[in-house]
Amino acid sequence: MADNQQAGEKTEDPTPKRREDTRKKGQVAKSTDLVQALSLLVCAWMMPGICQAWIEMLIRTFRADFWSEKTQITPESAVQHMAAIGLPGIGLAGALIVVLMLIGVGGSLGQVGLLWTAEPLKPTFSKINPLEGIKRLFGKRAAFEGLKAVFKLCLFSWVVYAAVAGSWDQLVVLSGMPPAKSAAVVGSLIQTIMMRVALIWLGLAALDYFFQRKQHEDQIKMTKTELKNEMKEQEGSPEIKMARMQRRRKLSKGSLKSRVQEADVIVTNPTHFAVALKYERSKMHAPLVVAKGQDYLALKIREFATESKIPIVENKPLARGLYAACEIGDYVPRQYFGEVAEVLAYVYKTLKKVKKAA
């Protein structure tokens, strides 16, 4: 019972194939707050300049059109006057919209990269099932989003109140100020509010993005059964077999010495067997066998490793098992993951101590 329960729990890190499959489905870690906060920040920065440029254009238009000698007003001239007043504002607003669109695209690309998929648009029963909709509406994620929205509303309301309270002495005498002066006061207050809200929102959005990544990692974790089934599928997949053959062909072209120099550790028998392993966590789902040898070849592997200062670890059962189960270019089978992980951890820990001592 305990074994079955443990097998059903998502305790295993996702494999590269699992990550790729979920990405194709559009399931990625993304914070919409981050893009919105950046957009508001840019608006707060650009709006004063845009408003000032538009007002200057309006003043020039009024001086040129209404103070000229053409005093007769006709429907055609009225349309021309309206176009002269509105077109500059439309152009400036269009520039702001283009900038905001670029921020939206850049913010999305920065979070998830380039992703083309129509999978989320495909109709599925779960999307129209009322019970699934109720679960999503009252689920943990919806509750978290609701609490987050209430928190942001309260926080931003306090920011607005603090800004207005700080400028209250100027606001109560707006009616006695010249129009240009009163407009400057109101504009400065609006910009201050927008900047403060945007900066606070940006900080919250950064936290939200890291939370989304953590939640996404938890969601795509695999059960032990799923991991075993995926490994079985990959073993029988023609694509995997072809990739394995290409790795073997590529490694076989290099000399034994060059292959040993690429290794992170050499596992030995100690005299009869030697297996060279390489592991890059960001690129490999398991350690890779880059060289192996028996008797004379095992001796040469140890010699090359000693010359290149590659760590050599003696583990008789593991060396024999890897030699028998793997060919050059194969990934370490799952049944040896635990023992190989212990060897790599020991090597990394030893190297760390050596670096500190140096």
Protein backbone atom coordinates (compact mmCIF):
# COMPACT_ATOMS: atom_id res chain seq x y z
CA MET A 1 0.00 0.00 0.00
CA ALA A 2 2.79 2.39 0.93
CA ASP A 3 4.70 1.52 -2.25
CA ASN A 4 1.61 2.16 -4.41
CA GLN A 5 0.97 5.48 -2.69
CA GLN A 6 4.58 6.53 -3.14
CA ALA A 7 4.49 5.49 -6.81
CA GLY A 8 1.47 7.79 -7.35
CA GLU A 9 3.15 10.83 -5.85
CA LYS A 10 4.93 13.34 -8.07
CA THR A 11 8.38 13.11 -6.53
CA GLU A 12 10.61 12.91 -9.64
CA ASP A 13 12.07 15.89 -11.48
CA PRO A 14 10.63 16.32 -14.99
CA THR A 15 12.65 14.93 -17.87
CA PRO A 16 13.54 17.07 -20.92
CA LYS A 17 10.81 15.23 -22.87
CA ARG A 18 8.22 16.06 -20.20
CA ARG A 19 9.25 19.72 -20.30
CA GLU A 20 9.04 19.78 -24.09
CA ASP A 21 5.62 18.10 -24.12
CA THR A 22 4.13 20.51 -21.58
CA ARG A 23 5.65 23.44 -23.47
CA LYS A 24 4.02 22.28 -26.71
CA LYS A 25 0.70 22.26 -24.85
CA GLY A 26 1.23 25.90 -23.85
CA GLN A 27 1.82 25.06 -20.19
CA VAL A 28 4.59 27.49 -19.26
CA ALA A 29 5.49 29.62 -16.26
CA LYS A 30 4.38 33.17 -17.00
CA SER A 31 3.37 36.19 -14.94
CA THR A 32 0.93 38.62 -16.62
CA ASP A 33 1.56 41.09 -13.79
CA LEU A 34 5.15 41.53 -14.97
CA VAL A 35 4.11 42.77 -18.43
CA GLN A 36 1.35 44.97 -17.00
CA ALA A 37 3.68 46.55 -14.45
CA LEU A 38 6.29 47.31 -17.11
CA SER A 39 3.59 48.83 -19.34
CA LEU A 40 2.36 51.09 -16.54
CA LEU A 41 5.93 52.14 -15.74
CA VAL A 42 6.54 53.12 -19.36
CA CYS A 43 3.21 54.99 -19.47
CA ALA A 44 4.13 56.95 -16.35
CA TRP A 45 7.48 57.83 -17.91
CA MET A 46 6.17 58.80 -21.37
CA MET A 47 2.81 60.43 -20.58
CA PRO A 48 4.15 63.86 -19.41
CA GLY A 49 6.20 64.28 -22.58
CA ILE A 50 3.31 63.16 -24.78
CA CYS A 51 0.83 65.50 -23.07
CA GLN A 52 3.23 68.44 -23.25
CA ALA A 53 3.90 67.82 -26.96
CA TRP A 54 0.18 67.55 -27.70
CA ILE A 55 -0.63 70.76 -25.83
CA GLU A 56 2.10 72.62 -27.69
CA MET A 57 0.70 71.34 -30.99
CA LEU A 58 -2.80 72.45 -29.97
CA ILE A 59 -1.57 75.94 -29.11
CA ARG A 60 0.21 76.27 -32.44
CA THR A 61 -2.89 75.01 -34.26
CA PHE A 62 -5.20 77.48 -32.52
CA ARG A 63 -2.84 80.35 -33.22
CA ALA A 64 -2.46 79.41 -36.87
CA ASP A 65 -6.13 78.70 -37.60
CA PHE A 66 -8.36 80.67 -35.27
CA TRP A 67 -6.26 83.82 -35.05
CA SER A 68 -5.77 84.08 -38.77
CA GLU A 69 -7.74 86.33 -41.10
CA LYS A 70 -10.06 83.47 -42.07
CA THR A 71 -13.00 84.20 -39.81
CA GLN A 72 -15.72 82.46 -41.84
CA ILE A 73 -16.70 79.09 -40.34
CA THR A 74 -18.00 76.43 -42.74
CA PRO A 75 -18.57 72.69 -42.30
CA GLU A 76 -15.42 72.01 -44.34
CA SER A 77 -13.30 74.38 -42.28
CA ALA A 78 -14.71 72.96 -39.04
CA VAL A 79 -13.69 69.45 -40.11
CA GLN A 80 -10.24 70.74 -40.98
CA HIS A 81 -9.92 72.41 -37.58
CA MET A 82 -10.99 69.21 -35.80
CA ALA A 83 -8.52 67.16 -37.84
CA ALA A 84 -5.75 69.65 -37.08
CA ILE A 85 -6.53 69.31 -33.37
CA GLY A 86 -7.05 65.53 -33.22
CA LEU A 87 -4.46 64.11 -35.62
CA PRO A 88 -1.41 65.11 -33.55
CA GLY A 89 -2.96 63.43 -30.50
CA ILE A 90 -3.74 60.29 -32.50
CA GLY A 91 -0.14 60.12 -33.73
CA LEU A 92 1.29 60.47 -30.23
CA ALA A 93 -1.19 57.94 -28.82
CA GLY A 94 -0.25 55.56 -31.65
CA ALA A 95 3.42 55.85 -30.73
CA LEU A 96 2.60 54.99 -27.12
CA ILE A 97 0.50 52.02 -28.21
CA VAL A 98 3.34 50.68 -30.38
CA VAL A 99 5.77 50.96 -27.47
CA LEU A 100 3.34 49.14 -25.16
CA MET A 101 2.87 46.39 -27.75
CA LEU A 102 6.64 45.94 -27.98
CA ILE A 103 6.83 45.72 -24.19
CA GLY A 104 4.10 43.09 -24.17
CA VAL A 105 5.84 40.99 -26.82
CA GLY A 106 9.26 41.46 -25.22
CA GLY A 107 7.95 40.61 -21.76
CA SER A 108 6.36 37.40 -23.02
CA LEU A 109 9.45 36.38 -24.99
CA GLY A 110 11.65 37.10 -21.97
CA GLN A 111 9.58 34.76 -19.79
CA VAL A 112 8.77 31.84 -22.08
CA GLY A 113 10.82 32.40 -25.24
CA LEU A 114 9.48 31.89 -28.75
CA LEU A 115 6.55 29.50 -28.59
CA TRP A 116 4.19 28.63 -31.44
CA THR A 117 1.42 26.24 -30.45
CA ALA A 118 -2.29 25.91 -31.16
CA GLU A 119 -2.78 23.27 -28.47
CA PRO A 120 -4.54 25.64 -25.98
CA LEU A 121 -7.07 26.57 -28.69
CA LYS A 122 -8.16 22.99 -29.34
CA PRO A 123 -11.66 22.27 -27.99
CA THR A 124 -11.70 19.72 -25.19
CA PHE A 125 -14.47 18.43 -22.98
CA SER A 126 -12.75 19.66 -19.82
CA LYS A 127 -12.97 23.26 -21.07
CA ILE A 128 -16.76 23.14 -21.41
CA ASN A 129 -17.46 20.76 -18.52
CA PRO A 130 -19.32 22.76 -15.81
CA LEU A 131 -17.82 20.65 -13.02
CA GLU A 132 -14.29 21.37 -14.21
CA GLY A 133 -15.19 25.05 -14.46
CA ILE A 134 -16.46 25.06 -10.86
CA LYS A 135 -13.25 23.32 -9.71
CA ARG A 136 -11.16 25.97 -11.43
CA LEU A 137 -13.36 28.75 -10.04
CA PHE A 138 -13.06 27.56 -6.44
CA GLY A 139 -9.67 25.89 -6.63
CA LYS A 140 -6.45 26.84 -4.86
CA ARG A 141 -5.16 28.79 -7.84
CA ALA A 142 -8.35 30.86 -8.11
CA ALA A 143 -8.28 31.54 -4.36
CA PHE A 144 -4.66 32.65 -4.58
CA GLU A 145 -5.40 34.94 -7.54
CA GLY A 146 -8.38 36.42 -5.68
CA LEU A 147 -6.34 37.12 -2.55
CA LYS A 148 -3.58 38.59 -4.69
CA ALA A 149 -6.05 40.93 -6.41
CA VAL A 150 -7.49 42.11 -3.08
CA PHE A 151 -4.00 42.68 -1.68
CA LYS A 152 -2.97 44.70 -4.74
CA LEU A 153 -6.19 46.76 -4.56
CA CYS A 154 -5.59 47.63 -0.91
CA LEU A 155 -1.91 48.41 -1.48
CA PHE A 156 -2.50 50.58 -4.54
CA SER A 157 -5.37 52.40 -2.81
CA TRP A 158 -3.03 53.25 0.04
CA VAL A 159 -0.44 54.54 -2.47
CA VAL A 160 -3.06 56.81 -4.08
CA TYR A 161 -4.26 58.05 -0.69
CA ALA A 162 -0.69 58.79 0.48
CA ALA A 163 0.10 60.71 -2.73
CA VAL A 164 -3.10 62.78 -2.58
CA ALA A 165 -2.63 63.49 1.13
CA GLY A 166 0.93 64.66 0.46
CA SER A 167 -0.27 67.13 -2.20
CA TRP A 168 -3.47 68.19 -0.45
CA ASP A 169 -2.24 71.71 0.28
CA GLN A 170 -1.78 72.34 -3.43
CA LEU A 171 -5.01 70.62 -4.48
CA VAL A 172 -7.28 72.75 -2.29
CA VAL A 173 -6.05 75.96 -3.98
CA LEU A 174 -6.25 74.72 -7.58
CA SER A 175 -9.21 77.00 -8.33
CA GLY A 176 -7.07 80.08 -7.60
CA MET A 177 -4.18 79.00 -9.82
CA PRO A 178 -3.71 79.84 -13.51
CA PRO A 179 -4.86 76.99 -15.79
CA ALA A 180 -1.32 76.07 -16.81
CA LYS A 181 -0.18 75.92 -13.19
CA SER A 182 -3.16 73.84 -12.03
CA ALA A 183 -2.70 71.44 -14.94
CA ALA A 184 0.98 71.03 -14.00
CA VAL A 185 0.08 70.23 -10.39
CA VAL A 186 -2.54 67.64 -11.37
CA GLY A 187 -0.25 66.12 -14.00
CA SER A 188 2.64 65.84 -11.57
CA LEU A 189 0.38 64.14 -9.01
CA ILE A 190 -0.91 61.64 -11.57
CA GLN A 191 2.63 60.82 -12.71
CA THR A 192 3.77 60.34 -9.10
CA ILE A 193 0.90 57.96 -8.41
CA MET A 194 1.53 55.98 -11.60
CA MET A 195 5.27 55.70 -10.94
CA ARG A 196 4.81 54.52 -7.36
CA VAL A 197 2.12 52.02 -8.30
CA ALA A 198 4.23 50.73 -11.21
CA LEU A 199 7.38 50.26 -9.11
CA ILE A 200 5.51 48.44 -6.33
CA TRP A 201 3.64 46.37 -8.90
CA LEU A 202 6.94 45.48 -10.57
CA GLY A 203 8.29 44.15 -7.27
CA LEU A 204 5.13 42.10 -6.69
CA ALA A 205 5.26 40.85 -10.28
CA ALA A 206 8.83 39.59 -9.82
CA LEU A 207 7.73 37.60 -6.76
CA ASP A 208 4.71 36.34 -8.68
CA TYR A 209 6.94 35.19 -11.57
CA PHE A 210 9.16 33.13 -9.26
CA PHE A 211 6.04 31.71 -7.59
CA GLN A 212 4.62 30.76 -11.02
CA ARG A 213 7.88 29.02 -11.93
CA LYS A 214 7.87 27.08 -8.66
CA GLN A 215 4.24 26.08 -9.11
CA HIS A 216 4.87 25.06 -12.72
CA GLU A 217 7.82 22.89 -11.68
CA ASP A 218 5.64 21.18 -9.06
CA GLN A 219 2.87 20.58 -11.62
CA ILE A 220 5.09 18.96 -14.23
CA LYS A 221 6.90 16.68 -11.78
CA MET A 222 6.49 13.00 -12.54
CA THR A 223 5.54 9.94 -10.60
CA LYS A 224 7.92 6.98 -10.53
CA THR A 225 5.49 5.07 -12.76
CA GLU A 226 5.37 7.87 -15.33
CA LEU A 227 9.15 8.05 -15.37
CA LYS A 228 9.51 4.30 -15.90
CA ASN A 229 6.91 4.32 -18.69
CA GLU A 230 8.65 7.20 -20.43
CA MET A 231 12.01 5.43 -20.24
CA LYS A 232 10.42 2.31 -21.77
CA GLU A 233 8.85 4.34 -24.57
CA GLN A 234 12.12 6.05 -25.31
CA GLU A 235 13.99 2.76 -25.42
CA GLY A 236 11.68 1.55 -28.18
CA SER A 237 11.37 4.85 -30.02
CA PRO A 238 13.00 4.96 -33.50
CA GLU A 239 13.97 8.59 -32.88
CA ILE A 240 15.77 7.67 -29.68
CA LYS A 241 17.53 4.78 -31.37
CA MET A 242 18.67 7.06 -34.18
CA ALA A 243 19.90 9.70 -31.70
CA ARG A 244 21.79 6.99 -29.80
CA MET A 245 23.45 5.79 -32.99
CA GLN A 246 24.46 9.35 -33.86
CA ARG A 247 25.98 9.84 -30.39
CA ARG A 248 27.94 6.60 -30.72
CA ARG A 249 29.14 7.53 -34.20
CA LYS A 250 30.20 10.99 -33.03
CA LEU A 251 32.04 9.65 -29.99
CA SER A 252 33.70 6.84 -31.96
CA LYS A 253 35.27 9.39 -34.32
CA GLY A 254 37.24 10.93 -31.47
CA SER A 255 40.31 9.30 -29.95
CA LEU A 256 40.11 7.47 -26.64
CA LYS A 257 42.19 10.18 -24.98
CA SER A 258 39.93 13.02 -26.17
CA ARG A 259 36.84 11.14 -24.99
CA VAL A 260 38.36 10.55 -21.55
CA GLN A 261 39.26 14.24 -21.31
CA GLU A 262 35.55 15.11 -21.72
CA ALA A 263 34.56 12.90 -18.78
CA ASP A 264 33.69 14.09 -15.29
CA VAL A 265 34.62 10.84 -13.53
CA ILE A 266 36.08 7.40 -14.25
CA VAL A 267 34.46 4.44 -12.49
CA THR A 268 36.86 1.47 -12.20
CA ASN A 269 36.92 -2.18 -11.13
CA PRO A 270 39.85 -1.15 -10.33
CA THR A 271 42.01 -3.05 -12.85
CA HIS A 272 39.77 -4.95 -15.26
CA PHE A 273 37.03 -2.42 -16.12
CA ALA A 274 36.85 1.34 -16.53
CA VAL A 275 33.86 3.46 -17.57
CA ALA A 276 34.12 7.22 -18.26
CA LEU A 277 31.00 9.26 -17.46
CA LYS A 278 30.04 12.79 -18.46
CA TYR A 279 27.11 14.73 -17.02
CA GLU A 280 25.76 18.21 -17.85
CA ARG A 281 22.71 18.86 -15.70
CA SER A 282 21.25 21.54 -17.97
CA LYS A 283 21.52 19.43 -21.14
CA MET A 284 21.30 15.77 -20.09
CA HIS A 285 18.57 13.85 -18.33
CA ALA A 286 21.16 11.27 -17.18
CA PRO A 287 24.97 10.78 -17.20
CA LEU A 288 26.47 9.76 -20.54
CA VAL A 289 29.01 6.98 -21.15
CA VAL A 290 31.76 8.59 -23.26
CA ALA A 291 34.32 5.75 -23.04
CA LYS A 292 34.69 2.28 -21.61
CA GLY A 293 37.32 -0.43 -21.67
CA GLN A 294 38.42 -3.79 -20.30
CA ASP A 295 41.91 -4.87 -19.26
CA TYR A 296 44.35 -3.02 -21.57
CA LEU A 297 41.80 -0.35 -22.59
CA ALA A 298 40.83 0.10 -18.95
CA LEU A 299 44.49 0.70 -18.14
CA LYS A 300 44.79 3.30 -20.92
CA ILE A 301 41.63 5.04 -19.72
CA ARG A 302 43.08 5.31 -16.20
CA GLU A 303 46.38 6.62 -17.58
CA PHE A 304 44.67 9.30 -19.69
CA ALA A 305 42.47 10.25 -16.74
CA THR A 306 45.51 10.63 -14.49
CA GLU A 307 47.22 12.83 -17.08
CA SER A 308 44.14 15.03 -17.44
CA LYS A 309 43.41 15.03 -13.68
CA ILE A 310 40.02 13.38 -14.15
CA PRO A 311 38.76 11.88 -10.85
CA ILE A 312 38.95 8.09 -10.64
CA VAL A 313 36.52 6.33 -8.29
CA GLU A 314 36.74 2.63 -7.48
CA ASN A 315 33.38 0.87 -7.40
CA LYS A 316 33.57 -2.74 -8.56
CA PRO A 317 29.83 -3.60 -8.89
CA LEU A 318 29.03 -0.29 -10.57
CA ALA A 319 31.93 -0.53 -13.03
CA ARG A 320 31.00 -4.09 -14.02
CA GLY A 321 27.31 -3.21 -14.30
CA LEU A 322 27.84 -0.12 -16.44
CA TYR A 323 30.32 -1.93 -18.70
CA ALA A 324 27.82 -4.73 -19.33
CA ALA A 325 24.69 -2.55 -19.67
CA CYS A 326 26.00 0.40 -21.70
CA GLU A 327 27.68 1.08 -24.99
CA ILE A 328 29.62 4.24 -25.76
CA GLY A 329 27.08 7.03 -26.31
CA ASP A 330 24.41 5.47 -24.06
CA TYR A 331 22.88 7.20 -21.09
CA VAL A 332 23.19 5.47 -17.73
CA PRO A 333 20.18 3.16 -17.15
CA ARG A 334 17.77 4.12 -14.44
CA GLN A 335 18.69 1.24 -12.14
CA TYR A 336 22.16 2.79 -11.72
CA PHE A 337 20.99 6.37 -11.14
CA GLY A 338 21.38 6.19 -7.36
CA GLU A 339 24.89 4.74 -7.37
CA VAL A 340 26.11 7.10 -10.12
CA ALA A 341 24.58 10.07 -8.29
CA GLU A 342 26.54 9.12 -5.16
CA VAL A 343 29.77 8.92 -7.19
CA LEU A 344 29.18 12.31 -8.83
CA ALA A 345 28.24 13.91 -5.52
CA TYR A 346 31.43 12.56 -3.96
CA VAL A 347 33.50 13.88 -6.88
CA TYR A 348 31.91 17.34 -6.82
CA LYS A 349 32.33 17.54 -3.04
CA THR A 350 35.99 16.51 -3.28
CA LEU A 351 36.70 19.00 -6.07
CA LYS A 352 35.04 21.76 -4.03
CA LYS A 353 37.28 20.99 -1.05
CA VAL A 354 40.37 21.00 -3.28
CA LYS A 355 39.44 24.40 -4.74
CA LYS A 356 38.92 25.86 -1.24
CA ALA A 357 42.26 24.48 -0.07
CA ALA A 358 43.98 26.00 -3.10
